[in-house]
Amino acid sequence: MSQASKNLATGLAFAIVGAIAFSGKAIIVKLAYRYGVDAVTLIMYRMLFALPLFLAMAWWASRGKAALTRRDWLGVLGLGFSGYYLASFLDFAGLAYITASLERLVLYLTPTIVLLLGLLFYGRRVSRAQIGGMLISYAGVMLVFGREVSLAGADVAWGTLLVFLSAVSYAIYLSYSGELVRRLGSLRLVGLATSVACLFCILQFVLLRPLSAAQVAPEVIWLSLLNATACTAVPVLLVMMAIERVGAGMAAQAGMVGPMSTILMGVWLLGEPFTGWVVAGTLLVLAGIFVFGRAARAAAD
């Protein structure tokens, strides 16, 4: 096997494993909620355990590099707040009301939100194929959403809104991170921004909860540790390494296993229903994102 083939195979493996690991986050959060913990406390523990890993990532990527300017730090603070703190908190809060399957499908709409933000703030052109892909994806989400509302009631609407706002918050991060990525590098920016987000989450707990709220079931501690490592820090590195080997486009396509892996883990570990509605909605979302991504690459060329 040639070196190019080895890099391709390794890169695709990293992307697939990273996508599955990212998807496990929702499963772990749903499992932790069974022990009576709330979103503020749960995300505090996740970020507390992840903080040393992200600080190490930031230190490693900063070796031999110029110090950050005041403007750089302001950018890191803003992106850390939007892309990792606010997006993560809204996602955790929404998962208290909806299934992991619906959560993953809503988050998968993030690229379409990035496009809409570009249209709204920069007047960027949107092709008919991109609009078609968006409509297919949103139809898939609405299919699953409508089914869950009919079964679980109005709380599903509130949870879906929270997760959608999480996707909007992360889309804002993606839209405005380009300049800082070019100046600082992707790994350094991710390490710094996520470290900032960890501090925001810990501060939020200190301000909103008594210290006695940190006394949780041992299972919550172990689940949070697993979430911080296997479903947060490790997939970030895997996706970065995948992009280095196969490029962002192919890594994104390989990452389409994410929603399906969430559904399967939800059925296996959470006992969530595996129905034709969920399958149909998932296939529509994946098909729409595929059409949307292909049209976006064609427009870029």
Protein backbone atom coordinates (compact mmCIF):
# COMPACT_ATOMS: atom_id res chain seq x y z
CA MET A 1 0.00 0.00 0.00
CA SER A 2 1.38 3.42 -0.95
CA GLN A 3 1.90 6.22 1.60
CA ALA A 4 -0.97 8.19 0.04
CA SER A 5 -3.32 5.23 0.46
CA LYS A 6 -2.20 4.77 4.06
CA ASN A 7 -2.84 8.45 4.80
CA LEU A 8 -6.30 8.21 3.21
CA ALA A 9 -7.25 5.11 5.19
CA THR A 10 -5.87 6.53 8.43
CA GLY A 11 -7.55 9.90 7.89
CA LEU A 12 -10.94 8.33 7.18
CA ALA A 13 -10.60 6.10 10.25
CA PHE A 14 -9.79 9.12 12.42
CA ALA A 15 -12.77 11.03 11.02
CA ILE A 16 -15.22 8.15 11.55
CA VAL A 17 -14.05 7.35 15.07
CA GLY A 18 -14.04 11.06 15.93
CA ALA A 19 -17.61 11.48 14.67
CA ILE A 20 -18.82 8.47 16.66
CA ALA A 21 -17.02 9.72 19.78
CA PHE A 22 -18.59 13.17 19.41
CA SER A 23 -21.99 11.52 19.05
CA GLY A 24 -21.51 9.67 22.33
CA LYS A 25 -21.70 12.98 24.21
CA ALA A 26 -25.49 13.12 23.96
CA ILE A 27 -25.81 9.53 25.18
CA ILE A 28 -23.64 10.21 28.23
CA VAL A 29 -25.58 13.38 29.08
CA LYS A 30 -28.89 11.50 28.90
CA LEU A 31 -27.49 8.74 31.13
CA ALA A 32 -26.26 11.31 33.68
CA TYR A 33 -29.66 13.00 33.84
CA ARG A 34 -31.05 9.77 35.28
CA TYR A 35 -29.17 10.54 38.53
CA GLY A 36 -30.97 13.82 39.22
CA VAL A 37 -28.24 16.22 38.12
CA ASP A 38 -29.03 19.48 36.30
CA ALA A 39 -27.41 21.00 33.22
CA VAL A 40 -25.39 23.63 35.12
CA THR A 41 -23.76 21.04 37.38
CA LEU A 42 -23.30 18.46 34.67
CA ILE A 43 -21.54 20.78 32.23
CA MET A 44 -19.37 22.10 35.07
CA TYR A 45 -18.03 18.61 35.73
CA ARG A 46 -17.49 17.92 32.04
CA MET A 47 -15.49 21.11 31.57
CA LEU A 48 -13.65 20.75 34.88
CA PHE A 49 -12.26 17.40 33.76
CA ALA A 50 -11.60 18.63 30.21
CA LEU A 51 -9.77 21.83 31.26
CA PRO A 52 -6.33 20.24 31.89
CA LEU A 53 -6.51 18.49 28.50
CA PHE A 54 -7.35 21.68 26.63
CA LEU A 55 -4.73 23.70 28.52
CA ALA A 56 -2.16 21.09 27.50
CA MET A 57 -3.40 21.31 23.89
CA ALA A 58 -3.08 25.11 23.92
CA TRP A 59 0.42 24.93 25.44
CA TRP A 60 1.59 22.35 22.90
CA ALA A 61 0.28 24.33 19.95
CA SER A 62 1.74 27.60 21.30
CA ARG A 63 5.35 26.39 21.59
CA GLY A 64 7.69 28.68 19.67
CA LYS A 65 4.82 30.92 18.56
CA ALA A 66 4.43 34.66 19.13
CA ALA A 67 2.44 35.79 22.16
CA LEU A 68 -1.19 36.70 21.62
CA THR A 69 -2.07 40.35 21.21
CA ARG A 70 -4.92 42.06 23.05
CA ARG A 71 -7.02 41.73 19.90
CA ASP A 72 -6.25 38.01 19.73
CA TRP A 73 -7.32 37.50 23.34
CA LEU A 74 -10.58 39.36 22.79
CA GLY A 75 -11.25 37.11 19.80
CA VAL A 76 -10.44 33.98 21.80
CA LEU A 77 -12.76 35.11 24.62
CA GLY A 78 -15.62 35.84 22.23
CA LEU A 79 -15.25 32.61 20.28
CA GLY A 80 -14.79 30.57 23.44
CA PHE A 81 -18.00 32.04 24.85
CA SER A 82 -20.06 31.49 21.70
CA GLY A 83 -18.60 28.34 20.21
CA TYR A 84 -17.98 26.20 23.26
CA TYR A 85 -19.54 27.64 26.42
CA LEU A 86 -22.93 28.88 25.20
CA ALA A 87 -23.31 26.21 22.52
CA SER A 88 -22.47 23.44 25.01
CA PHE A 89 -24.74 24.75 27.75
CA LEU A 90 -27.75 25.16 25.45
CA ASP A 91 -27.14 21.67 24.07
CA PHE A 92 -26.98 20.11 27.55
CA ALA A 93 -30.12 22.00 28.60
CA GLY A 94 -32.02 20.89 25.50
CA LEU A 95 -31.10 17.24 26.01
CA ALA A 96 -33.19 17.22 29.18
CA TYR A 97 -36.30 17.40 26.97
CA ILE A 98 -35.59 15.57 23.70
CA THR A 99 -34.05 12.32 22.55
CA ALA A 100 -30.39 12.04 21.64
CA SER A 101 -31.42 11.20 18.07
CA LEU A 102 -33.33 14.44 17.54
CA GLU A 103 -30.54 16.44 19.20
CA ARG A 104 -27.94 15.08 16.81
CA LEU A 105 -30.11 15.78 13.76
CA VAL A 106 -30.69 19.39 14.84
CA LEU A 107 -26.96 19.95 15.43
CA TYR A 108 -26.25 18.52 12.00
CA LEU A 109 -27.98 21.58 10.53
CA THR A 110 -25.05 23.79 11.62
CA PRO A 111 -23.53 24.16 8.09
CA THR A 112 -26.83 25.48 6.78
CA ILE A 113 -26.97 28.05 9.59
CA VAL A 114 -23.43 29.17 8.72
CA LEU A 115 -24.62 29.76 5.15
CA LEU A 116 -27.66 31.74 6.33
CA LEU A 117 -25.46 33.90 8.56
CA GLY A 118 -23.20 34.59 5.57
CA LEU A 119 -26.25 35.61 3.52
CA LEU A 120 -27.61 37.80 6.31
CA PHE A 121 -24.43 39.62 7.33
CA TYR A 122 -22.21 39.47 4.25
CA GLY A 123 -24.69 39.13 1.39
CA ARG A 124 -23.04 35.93 0.19
CA ARG A 125 -24.74 34.22 -2.72
CA VAL A 126 -26.77 31.06 -2.13
CA SER A 127 -27.33 28.63 -4.99
CA ARG A 128 -30.58 26.82 -5.73
CA ALA A 129 -28.91 23.49 -5.01
CA GLN A 130 -27.86 24.71 -1.57
CA ILE A 131 -31.41 25.87 -0.85
CA GLY A 132 -32.70 22.48 -2.02
CA GLY A 133 -30.30 20.64 0.28
CA MET A 134 -31.33 22.83 3.20
CA LEU A 135 -35.03 22.20 2.59
CA ILE A 136 -34.46 18.43 2.49
CA SER A 137 -32.50 18.52 5.76
CA TYR A 138 -35.00 20.71 7.59
CA ALA A 139 -37.83 18.47 6.37
CA GLY A 140 -36.06 15.50 7.95
CA VAL A 141 -35.69 17.30 11.28
CA MET A 142 -39.33 18.40 11.22
CA LEU A 143 -40.41 14.82 10.53
CA VAL A 144 -38.67 13.51 13.67
CA PHE A 145 -39.64 16.62 15.67
CA GLY A 146 -43.33 16.26 14.78
CA ARG A 147 -43.31 12.63 15.84
CA GLU A 148 -41.67 13.40 19.20
CA VAL A 149 -44.07 16.27 19.90
CA SER A 150 -47.03 13.96 19.32
CA LEU A 151 -45.60 11.46 21.79
CA ALA A 152 -43.99 13.63 24.48
CA GLY A 153 -45.76 16.99 24.29
CA ALA A 154 -44.73 20.64 24.31
CA ASP A 155 -41.46 20.11 26.23
CA VAL A 156 -40.02 18.68 23.01
CA ALA A 157 -40.51 22.07 21.32
CA TRP A 158 -38.62 23.84 24.11
CA GLY A 159 -35.78 21.29 24.04
CA THR A 160 -35.52 21.47 20.24
CA LEU A 161 -35.37 25.26 20.39
CA LEU A 162 -32.54 25.13 22.93
CA VAL A 163 -30.53 22.71 20.79
CA PHE A 164 -31.21 24.76 17.65
CA LEU A 165 -29.92 27.87 19.46
CA SER A 166 -26.86 25.80 20.38
CA ALA A 167 -26.31 25.14 16.68
CA VAL A 168 -26.73 28.88 15.96
CA SER A 169 -24.18 29.73 18.64
CA TYR A 170 -21.65 27.28 17.20
CA ALA A 171 -22.36 28.53 13.68
CA ILE A 172 -21.46 32.04 14.86
CA TYR A 173 -18.16 30.64 16.11
CA LEU A 174 -17.48 29.00 12.74
CA SER A 175 -18.43 32.15 10.85
CA TYR A 176 -16.06 34.41 12.77
CA SER A 177 -13.18 32.06 13.54
CA GLY A 178 -11.56 32.16 10.07
CA GLU A 179 -9.27 35.13 10.69
CA LEU A 180 -8.06 33.82 14.06
CA VAL A 181 -7.48 30.34 12.63
CA ARG A 182 -5.20 31.84 10.00
CA ARG A 183 -3.26 33.82 12.62
CA LEU A 184 -3.08 31.32 15.46
CA GLY A 185 -3.60 27.92 13.82
CA SER A 186 -6.60 25.65 14.35
CA LEU A 187 -5.19 23.54 17.19
CA ARG A 188 -3.99 26.56 19.18
CA LEU A 189 -7.31 28.37 18.74
CA VAL A 190 -9.33 25.31 19.75
CA GLY A 191 -7.16 24.73 22.82
CA LEU A 192 -7.43 28.35 23.96
CA ALA A 193 -11.13 28.82 23.14
CA THR A 194 -12.17 25.59 24.83
CA SER A 195 -10.07 26.46 27.89
CA VAL A 196 -11.94 29.78 28.10
CA ALA A 197 -15.25 27.92 27.77
CA CYS A 198 -14.26 25.57 30.60
CA LEU A 199 -13.65 28.57 32.88
CA PHE A 200 -17.01 30.09 31.90
CA CYS A 201 -18.80 26.82 32.79
CA ILE A 202 -17.06 26.54 36.15
CA LEU A 203 -17.79 30.22 36.93
CA GLN A 204 -21.44 29.71 35.97
CA PHE A 205 -21.74 26.91 38.51
CA VAL A 206 -20.07 28.98 41.25
CA LEU A 207 -22.45 31.90 40.64
CA LEU A 208 -25.69 29.95 40.17
CA ARG A 209 -25.39 26.96 42.49
CA PRO A 210 -24.36 26.40 46.12
CA LEU A 211 -21.17 24.39 46.54
CA SER A 212 -23.29 21.60 48.02
CA ALA A 213 -24.72 21.05 44.51
CA ALA A 214 -21.34 19.56 43.57
CA GLN A 215 -22.24 16.52 45.64
CA VAL A 216 -23.60 14.19 42.99
CA ALA A 217 -23.87 10.47 42.47
CA PRO A 218 -20.53 8.73 41.75
CA GLU A 219 -21.96 7.63 38.40
CA VAL A 220 -22.24 11.30 37.34
CA ILE A 221 -18.53 11.82 38.10
CA TRP A 222 -17.47 8.83 36.02
CA LEU A 223 -19.81 9.71 33.17
CA SER A 224 -18.50 13.30 33.16
CA LEU A 225 -14.90 12.06 33.10
CA LEU A 226 -15.73 9.82 30.15
CA ASN A 227 -17.51 12.72 28.43
CA ALA A 228 -14.56 15.06 28.95
CA THR A 229 -12.02 12.63 27.52
CA ALA A 230 -13.57 10.19 25.05
CA CYS A 231 -16.33 12.50 23.77
CA THR A 232 -14.67 15.93 23.98
CA ALA A 233 -10.87 16.15 23.90
CA VAL A 234 -10.10 12.93 21.99
CA PRO A 235 -12.50 13.53 19.06
CA VAL A 236 -11.22 17.10 18.68
CA LEU A 237 -7.73 15.71 18.11
CA LEU A 238 -8.97 12.90 15.86
CA VAL A 239 -10.88 15.27 13.58
CA MET A 240 -7.89 17.62 13.41
CA MET A 241 -5.61 14.75 12.39
CA ALA A 242 -8.20 13.54 9.87
CA ILE A 243 -8.39 16.97 8.24
CA GLU A 244 -4.59 17.07 7.97
CA ARG A 245 -4.61 13.76 6.07
CA VAL A 246 -7.72 13.90 3.88
CA GLY A 247 -8.91 17.51 3.95
CA ALA A 248 -11.95 19.12 5.55
CA GLY A 249 -14.40 18.03 2.83
CA MET A 250 -13.72 14.32 3.03
CA ALA A 251 -13.50 14.44 6.82
CA ALA A 252 -16.94 16.05 6.90
CA GLN A 253 -18.38 13.37 4.60
CA ALA A 254 -16.95 10.61 6.81
CA GLY A 255 -18.47 12.40 9.79
CA MET A 256 -21.94 11.71 8.42
CA VAL A 257 -21.87 8.46 10.40
CA GLY A 258 -22.48 10.65 13.48
CA PRO A 259 -26.29 10.87 13.43
CA MET A 260 -26.73 7.17 12.69
CA SER A 261 -24.30 6.17 15.45
CA THR A 262 -26.24 8.39 17.89
CA ILE A 263 -29.49 6.67 16.96
CA LEU A 264 -28.00 3.20 17.40
CA MET A 265 -26.38 4.08 20.74
CA GLY A 266 -29.65 5.70 21.86
CA VAL A 267 -31.57 2.52 21.10
CA TRP A 268 -28.93 0.29 22.72
CA LEU A 269 -28.03 2.30 25.84
CA LEU A 270 -31.05 4.53 26.45
CA GLY A 271 -33.91 2.41 25.12
CA GLU A 272 -35.00 5.15 22.72
CA PRO A 273 -37.48 4.06 20.05
CA PHE A 274 -36.14 2.96 16.68
CA THR A 275 -38.98 3.77 14.31
CA GLY A 276 -39.49 4.36 10.64
CA TRP A 277 -40.03 8.05 11.45
CA VAL A 278 -36.53 8.35 12.94
CA VAL A 279 -34.93 6.43 10.07
CA ALA A 280 -36.74 8.47 7.42
CA GLY A 281 -35.91 11.76 9.13
CA THR A 282 -32.25 10.81 9.50
CA LEU A 283 -31.93 9.77 5.86
CA LEU A 284 -33.51 13.06 4.76
CA VAL A 285 -31.10 15.09 6.92
CA LEU A 286 -28.07 13.18 5.64
CA ALA A 287 -29.24 13.43 2.02
CA GLY A 288 -29.89 17.15 2.40
CA ILE A 289 -26.49 17.83 3.96
CA PHE A 290 -24.81 15.78 1.22
CA VAL A 291 -26.57 17.82 -1.50
CA PHE A 292 -25.84 21.04 0.38
CA GLY A 293 -22.15 20.20 0.86
CA ARG A 294 -21.65 19.22 -2.75
CA ALA A 295 -23.30 22.43 -3.94
CA ALA A 296 -21.17 24.49 -1.54
CA ARG A 297 -17.94 22.91 -2.86
CA ALA A 298 -19.08 23.50 -6.45
CA ALA A 299 -19.76 27.15 -5.64
CA ALA A 300 -16.32 27.49 -4.02
CA ASP A 301 -14.64 26.06 -7.14
